[in-house]
Amino acid sequence: MRKRMDQFYLVREDMLPEAMLKTAEAKRMLESGELDKINEAVKKVDLSRSAFYKYKDGIFPFQTMVKEKIITLGIQLEDRSGTLSKLLSLIAQTGANVLTINQTIPLQGRAAITISIETAAMNSEITVLLNKIEQLDSVVKVEIIGSGT
């Protein structure tokens, strides 16, 4: 059976083996400049160099995978004046580019919004944007409903 190298899976952190999590942490320390050498990083996380090299090209934080991609968000908003404007302003502040917006007619005081954004120029991680959107007082729910290139 031939291995497929182009297929990706989204896996919850607690489902990953310890060696993969340690590899991700070592990579984070190297990329952030916290440590300069692979040897230092693997020692700090208590991981063998061979395990690091085995997994280093196969594990990435979710945020890294969504850079330079199109993300589609599903958002439930309360039907209040200025709500959509605040949402779009928040998205613009992160540097994301809004590609499409679809909004349903408000029913029972809520509107469903679907927004596709291009994330390449974002000045923060997608999770930061999601948290900021959730903190808007008129937002009932926000979720990533799709991503692509």
C-alpha atoms as a PDB file:
ATOM      1  CA  MET A   1       0.000   0.000   0.000  1.00  0.00           C
ATOM      2  CA  ARG A   2       1.399   3.400  -1.041  1.00  0.00           C
ATOM      3  CA  LYS A   3       1.502   6.176   1.555  1.00  0.00           C
ATOM      4  CA  ARG A   4      -0.400   9.351   0.702  1.00  0.00           C
ATOM      5  CA  MET A   5       1.635  12.395   1.665  1.00  0.00           C
ATOM      6  CA  ASP A   6      -0.936  15.013   0.638  1.00  0.00           C
ATOM      7  CA  GLN A   7      -3.763  14.147   2.985  1.00  0.00           C
ATOM      8  CA  PHE A   8      -4.176  16.015   6.262  1.00  0.00           C
ATOM      9  CA  TYR A   9      -6.289  15.366   9.333  1.00  0.00           C
ATOM     10  CA  LEU A  10      -7.403  17.688  12.076  1.00  0.00           C
ATOM     11  CA  VAL A  11      -6.733  15.856  15.339  1.00  0.00           C
ATOM     12  CA  ARG A  12      -7.454  17.008  18.882  1.00  0.00           C
ATOM     13  CA  GLU A  13      -4.267  17.568  20.901  1.00  0.00           C
ATOM     14  CA  ASP A  14      -5.093  14.991  23.577  1.00  0.00           C
ATOM     15  CA  MET A  15      -5.267  12.284  20.889  1.00  0.00           C
ATOM     16  CA  LEU A  16      -1.653  12.768  19.746  1.00  0.00           C
ATOM     17  CA  PRO A  17       1.241  10.649  20.989  1.00  0.00           C
ATOM     18  CA  GLU A  18       3.564  12.360  23.458  1.00  0.00           C
ATOM     19  CA  ALA A  19       6.501  12.350  20.996  1.00  0.00           C
ATOM     20  CA  MET A  20       4.496  14.380  18.478  1.00  0.00           C
ATOM     21  CA  LEU A  21       3.453  16.912  21.109  1.00  0.00           C
ATOM     22  CA  LYS A  22       7.047  17.268  22.279  1.00  0.00           C
ATOM     23  CA  THR A  23       8.165  17.720  18.670  1.00  0.00           C
ATOM     24  CA  ALA A  24       5.608  20.498  18.208  1.00  0.00           C
ATOM     25  CA  GLU A  25       6.820  22.203  21.384  1.00  0.00           C
ATOM     26  CA  ALA A  26      10.471  21.918  20.320  1.00  0.00           C
ATOM     27  CA  LYS A  27       9.607  23.421  16.923  1.00  0.00           C
ATOM     28  CA  ARG A  28       7.761  26.269  18.633  1.00  0.00           C
ATOM     29  CA  MET A  29      10.803  27.064  20.793  1.00  0.00           C
ATOM     30  CA  LEU A  30      13.100  27.050  17.758  1.00  0.00           C
ATOM     31  CA  GLU A  31      10.767  29.158  15.586  1.00  0.00           C
ATOM     32  CA  SER A  32      10.179  31.724  18.330  1.00  0.00           C
ATOM     33  CA  GLY A  33      13.912  32.129  18.914  1.00  0.00           C
ATOM     34  CA  GLU A  34      13.600  30.929  22.502  1.00  0.00           C
ATOM     35  CA  LEU A  35      16.268  28.343  21.655  1.00  0.00           C
ATOM     36  CA  ASP A  36      18.739  28.296  18.759  1.00  0.00           C
ATOM     37  CA  LYS A  37      19.733  24.663  18.396  1.00  0.00           C
ATOM     38  CA  ILE A  38      17.722  21.500  17.844  1.00  0.00           C
ATOM     39  CA  ASN A  39      19.858  19.732  20.451  1.00  0.00           C
ATOM     40  CA  GLU A  40      18.838  22.297  23.093  1.00  0.00           C
ATOM     41  CA  ALA A  41      15.164  22.077  22.179  1.00  0.00           C
ATOM     42  CA  VAL A  42      14.926  18.282  22.283  1.00  0.00           C
ATOM     43  CA  LYS A  43      16.740  18.202  25.629  1.00  0.00           C
ATOM     44  CA  LYS A  44      14.401  20.803  27.070  1.00  0.00           C
ATOM     45  CA  VAL A  45      11.283  18.804  26.084  1.00  0.00           C
ATOM     46  CA  ASP A  46      12.902  15.420  26.879  1.00  0.00           C
ATOM     47  CA  LEU A  47      12.727  14.037  23.333  1.00  0.00           C
ATOM     48  CA  SER A  48      15.243  12.071  21.271  1.00  0.00           C
ATOM     49  CA  ARG A  49      16.711  13.746  18.197  1.00  0.00           C
ATOM     50  CA  SER A  50      15.567  10.815  16.060  1.00  0.00           C
ATOM     51  CA  ALA A  51      11.946  11.276  17.180  1.00  0.00           C
ATOM     52  CA  PHE A  52      12.192  15.002  16.459  1.00  0.00           C
ATOM     53  CA  TYR A  53      13.447  14.360  12.921  1.00  0.00           C
ATOM     54  CA  LYS A  54      10.824  11.673  12.403  1.00  0.00           C
ATOM     55  CA  TYR A  55       7.908  14.014  13.214  1.00  0.00           C
ATOM     56  CA  LYS A  56       9.192  17.546  12.491  1.00  0.00           C
ATOM     57  CA  ASP A  57       7.861  17.707   8.928  1.00  0.00           C
ATOM     58  CA  GLY A  58       4.513  16.196   9.836  1.00  0.00           C
ATOM     59  CA  ILE A  59       3.147  18.206  12.751  1.00  0.00           C
ATOM     60  CA  PHE A  60       2.073  21.830  12.617  1.00  0.00           C
ATOM     61  CA  PRO A  61      -0.114  24.009  14.807  1.00  0.00           C
ATOM     62  CA  PHE A  62      -3.578  24.546  13.320  1.00  0.00           C
ATOM     63  CA  GLN A  63      -2.836  28.259  12.918  1.00  0.00           C
ATOM     64  CA  THR A  64       0.103  27.479  10.628  1.00  0.00           C
ATOM     65  CA  MET A  65      -2.077  25.332   8.410  1.00  0.00           C
ATOM     66  CA  VAL A  66      -4.637  28.085   7.906  1.00  0.00           C
ATOM     67  CA  LYS A  67      -2.163  30.825   6.992  1.00  0.00           C
ATOM     68  CA  GLU A  68      -2.599  32.004   3.402  1.00  0.00           C
ATOM     69  CA  LYS A  69      -5.916  30.216   3.145  1.00  0.00           C
ATOM     70  CA  ILE A  70      -9.549  31.040   2.787  1.00  0.00           C
ATOM     71  CA  ILE A  71     -11.546  30.394   5.933  1.00  0.00           C
ATOM     72  CA  THR A  72     -15.337  30.351   6.003  1.00  0.00           C
ATOM     73  CA  LEU A  73     -16.934  31.320   9.297  1.00  0.00           C
ATOM     74  CA  GLY A  74     -20.492  30.602  10.363  1.00  0.00           C
ATOM     75  CA  ILE A  75     -21.712  33.220  12.830  1.00  0.00           C
ATOM     76  CA  GLN A  76     -25.036  33.611  14.648  1.00  0.00           C
ATOM     77  CA  LEU A  77     -25.722  37.266  15.465  1.00  0.00           C
ATOM     78  CA  GLU A  78     -28.429  38.913  17.485  1.00  0.00           C
ATOM     79  CA  ASP A  79     -30.499  41.248  15.307  1.00  0.00           C
ATOM     80  CA  ARG A  80     -29.273  44.642  16.555  1.00  0.00           C
ATOM     81  CA  SER A  81     -28.401  47.807  14.679  1.00  0.00           C
ATOM     82  CA  GLY A  82     -24.659  48.062  13.908  1.00  0.00           C
ATOM     83  CA  THR A  83     -23.873  44.434  14.702  1.00  0.00           C
ATOM     84  CA  LEU A  84     -22.618  43.470  11.252  1.00  0.00           C
ATOM     85  CA  SER A  85     -20.631  46.695  11.016  1.00  0.00           C
ATOM     86  CA  LYS A  86     -18.828  45.931  14.304  1.00  0.00           C
ATOM     87  CA  LEU A  87     -18.072  42.405  13.110  1.00  0.00           C
ATOM     88  CA  LEU A  88     -16.623  43.592   9.794  1.00  0.00           C
ATOM     89  CA  SER A  89     -14.577  46.262  11.548  1.00  0.00           C
ATOM     90  CA  LEU A  90     -13.106  43.655  13.884  1.00  0.00           C
ATOM     91  CA  ILE A  91     -12.195  41.397  10.962  1.00  0.00           C
ATOM     92  CA  ALA A  92     -10.561  44.331   9.134  1.00  0.00           C
ATOM     93  CA  GLN A  93      -8.485  45.197  12.217  1.00  0.00           C
ATOM     94  CA  THR A  94      -6.809  41.770  12.041  1.00  0.00           C
ATOM     95  CA  GLY A  95      -5.750  42.326   8.425  1.00  0.00           C
ATOM     96  CA  ALA A  96      -8.027  39.601   7.064  1.00  0.00           C
ATOM     97  CA  ASN A  97      -9.658  40.288   3.715  1.00  0.00           C
ATOM     98  CA  VAL A  98     -13.421  39.669   3.505  1.00  0.00           C
ATOM     99  CA  LEU A  99     -14.208  37.841   0.259  1.00  0.00           C
ATOM    100  CA  THR A 100     -17.915  37.056   0.640  1.00  0.00           C
ATOM    101  CA  ILE A 101     -20.721  37.761   3.077  1.00  0.00           C
ATOM    102  CA  ASN A 102     -24.076  35.991   3.134  1.00  0.00           C
ATOM    103  CA  GLN A 103     -26.720  36.903   5.685  1.00  0.00           C
ATOM    104  CA  THR A 104     -30.121  35.370   6.261  1.00  0.00           C
ATOM    105  CA  ILE A 105     -33.174  37.397   7.109  1.00  0.00           C
ATOM    106  CA  PRO A 106     -33.293  37.671  10.907  1.00  0.00           C
ATOM    107  CA  LEU A 107     -35.715  35.197  12.460  1.00  0.00           C
ATOM    108  CA  GLN A 108     -36.579  35.165  16.154  1.00  0.00           C
ATOM    109  CA  GLY A 109     -34.082  37.969  16.746  1.00  0.00           C
ATOM    110  CA  ARG A 110     -31.089  36.200  15.178  1.00  0.00           C
ATOM    111  CA  ALA A 111     -29.366  36.241  11.795  1.00  0.00           C
ATOM    112  CA  ALA A 112     -27.045  33.613  10.377  1.00  0.00           C
ATOM    113  CA  ILE A 113     -23.961  35.083   8.703  1.00  0.00           C
ATOM    114  CA  THR A 114     -21.498  33.203   6.527  1.00  0.00           C
ATOM    115  CA  ILE A 115     -18.263  35.107   5.885  1.00  0.00           C
ATOM    116  CA  SER A 116     -15.325  33.904   3.810  1.00  0.00           C
ATOM    117  CA  ILE A 117     -12.026  35.594   4.608  1.00  0.00           C
ATOM    118  CA  GLU A 118      -8.556  35.390   3.153  1.00  0.00           C
ATOM    119  CA  THR A 119      -6.064  35.046   6.017  1.00  0.00           C
ATOM    120  CA  ALA A 120      -2.622  35.640   4.405  1.00  0.00           C
ATOM    121  CA  ALA A 121      -2.244  39.235   5.650  1.00  0.00           C
ATOM    122  CA  MET A 122      -3.602  38.626   9.151  1.00  0.00           C
ATOM    123  CA  ASN A 123      -1.548  40.148  11.951  1.00  0.00           C
ATOM    124  CA  SER A 124      -2.706  37.506  14.459  1.00  0.00           C
ATOM    125  CA  GLU A 125      -3.664  33.847  14.572  1.00  0.00           C
ATOM    126  CA  ILE A 126      -7.127  32.735  13.437  1.00  0.00           C
ATOM    127  CA  THR A 127      -7.867  31.579  16.992  1.00  0.00           C
ATOM    128  CA  VAL A 128      -7.293  35.144  18.236  1.00  0.00           C
ATOM    129  CA  LEU A 129      -9.823  36.422  15.681  1.00  0.00           C
ATOM    130  CA  LEU A 130     -12.341  33.757  16.697  1.00  0.00           C
ATOM    131  CA  ASN A 131     -11.954  34.691  20.367  1.00  0.00           C
ATOM    132  CA  LYS A 132     -12.449  38.389  19.599  1.00  0.00           C
ATOM    133  CA  ILE A 133     -15.557  37.639  17.543  1.00  0.00           C
ATOM    134  CA  GLU A 134     -16.968  35.510  20.378  1.00  0.00           C
ATOM    135  CA  GLN A 135     -16.449  38.432  22.771  1.00  0.00           C
ATOM    136  CA  LEU A 136     -18.698  40.764  20.763  1.00  0.00           C
ATOM    137  CA  ASP A 137     -21.870  41.152  22.825  1.00  0.00           C
ATOM    138  CA  SER A 138     -24.147  40.454  19.862  1.00  0.00           C
ATOM    139  CA  VAL A 139     -22.461  37.194  18.814  1.00  0.00           C
ATOM    140  CA  VAL A 140     -24.309  34.054  19.836  1.00  0.00           C
ATOM    141  CA  LYS A 141     -22.033  31.511  18.111  1.00  0.00           C
ATOM    142  CA  VAL A 142     -19.014  31.421  15.792  1.00  0.00           C
ATOM    143  CA  GLU A 143     -17.358  28.440  14.132  1.00  0.00           C
ATOM    144  CA  ILE A 144     -15.071  27.582  11.243  1.00  0.00           C
ATOM    145  CA  ILE A 145     -17.242  25.810   8.717  1.00  0.00           C
ATOM    146  CA  GLY A 146     -14.685  25.428   5.955  1.00  0.00           C
ATOM    147  CA  SER A 147     -11.215  26.199   4.722  1.00  0.00           C
ATOM    148  CA  GLY A 148      -9.365  25.980   1.465  1.00  0.00           C
ATOM    149  CA  THR A 149      -6.712  27.657  -0.622  1.00  0.00           C
END
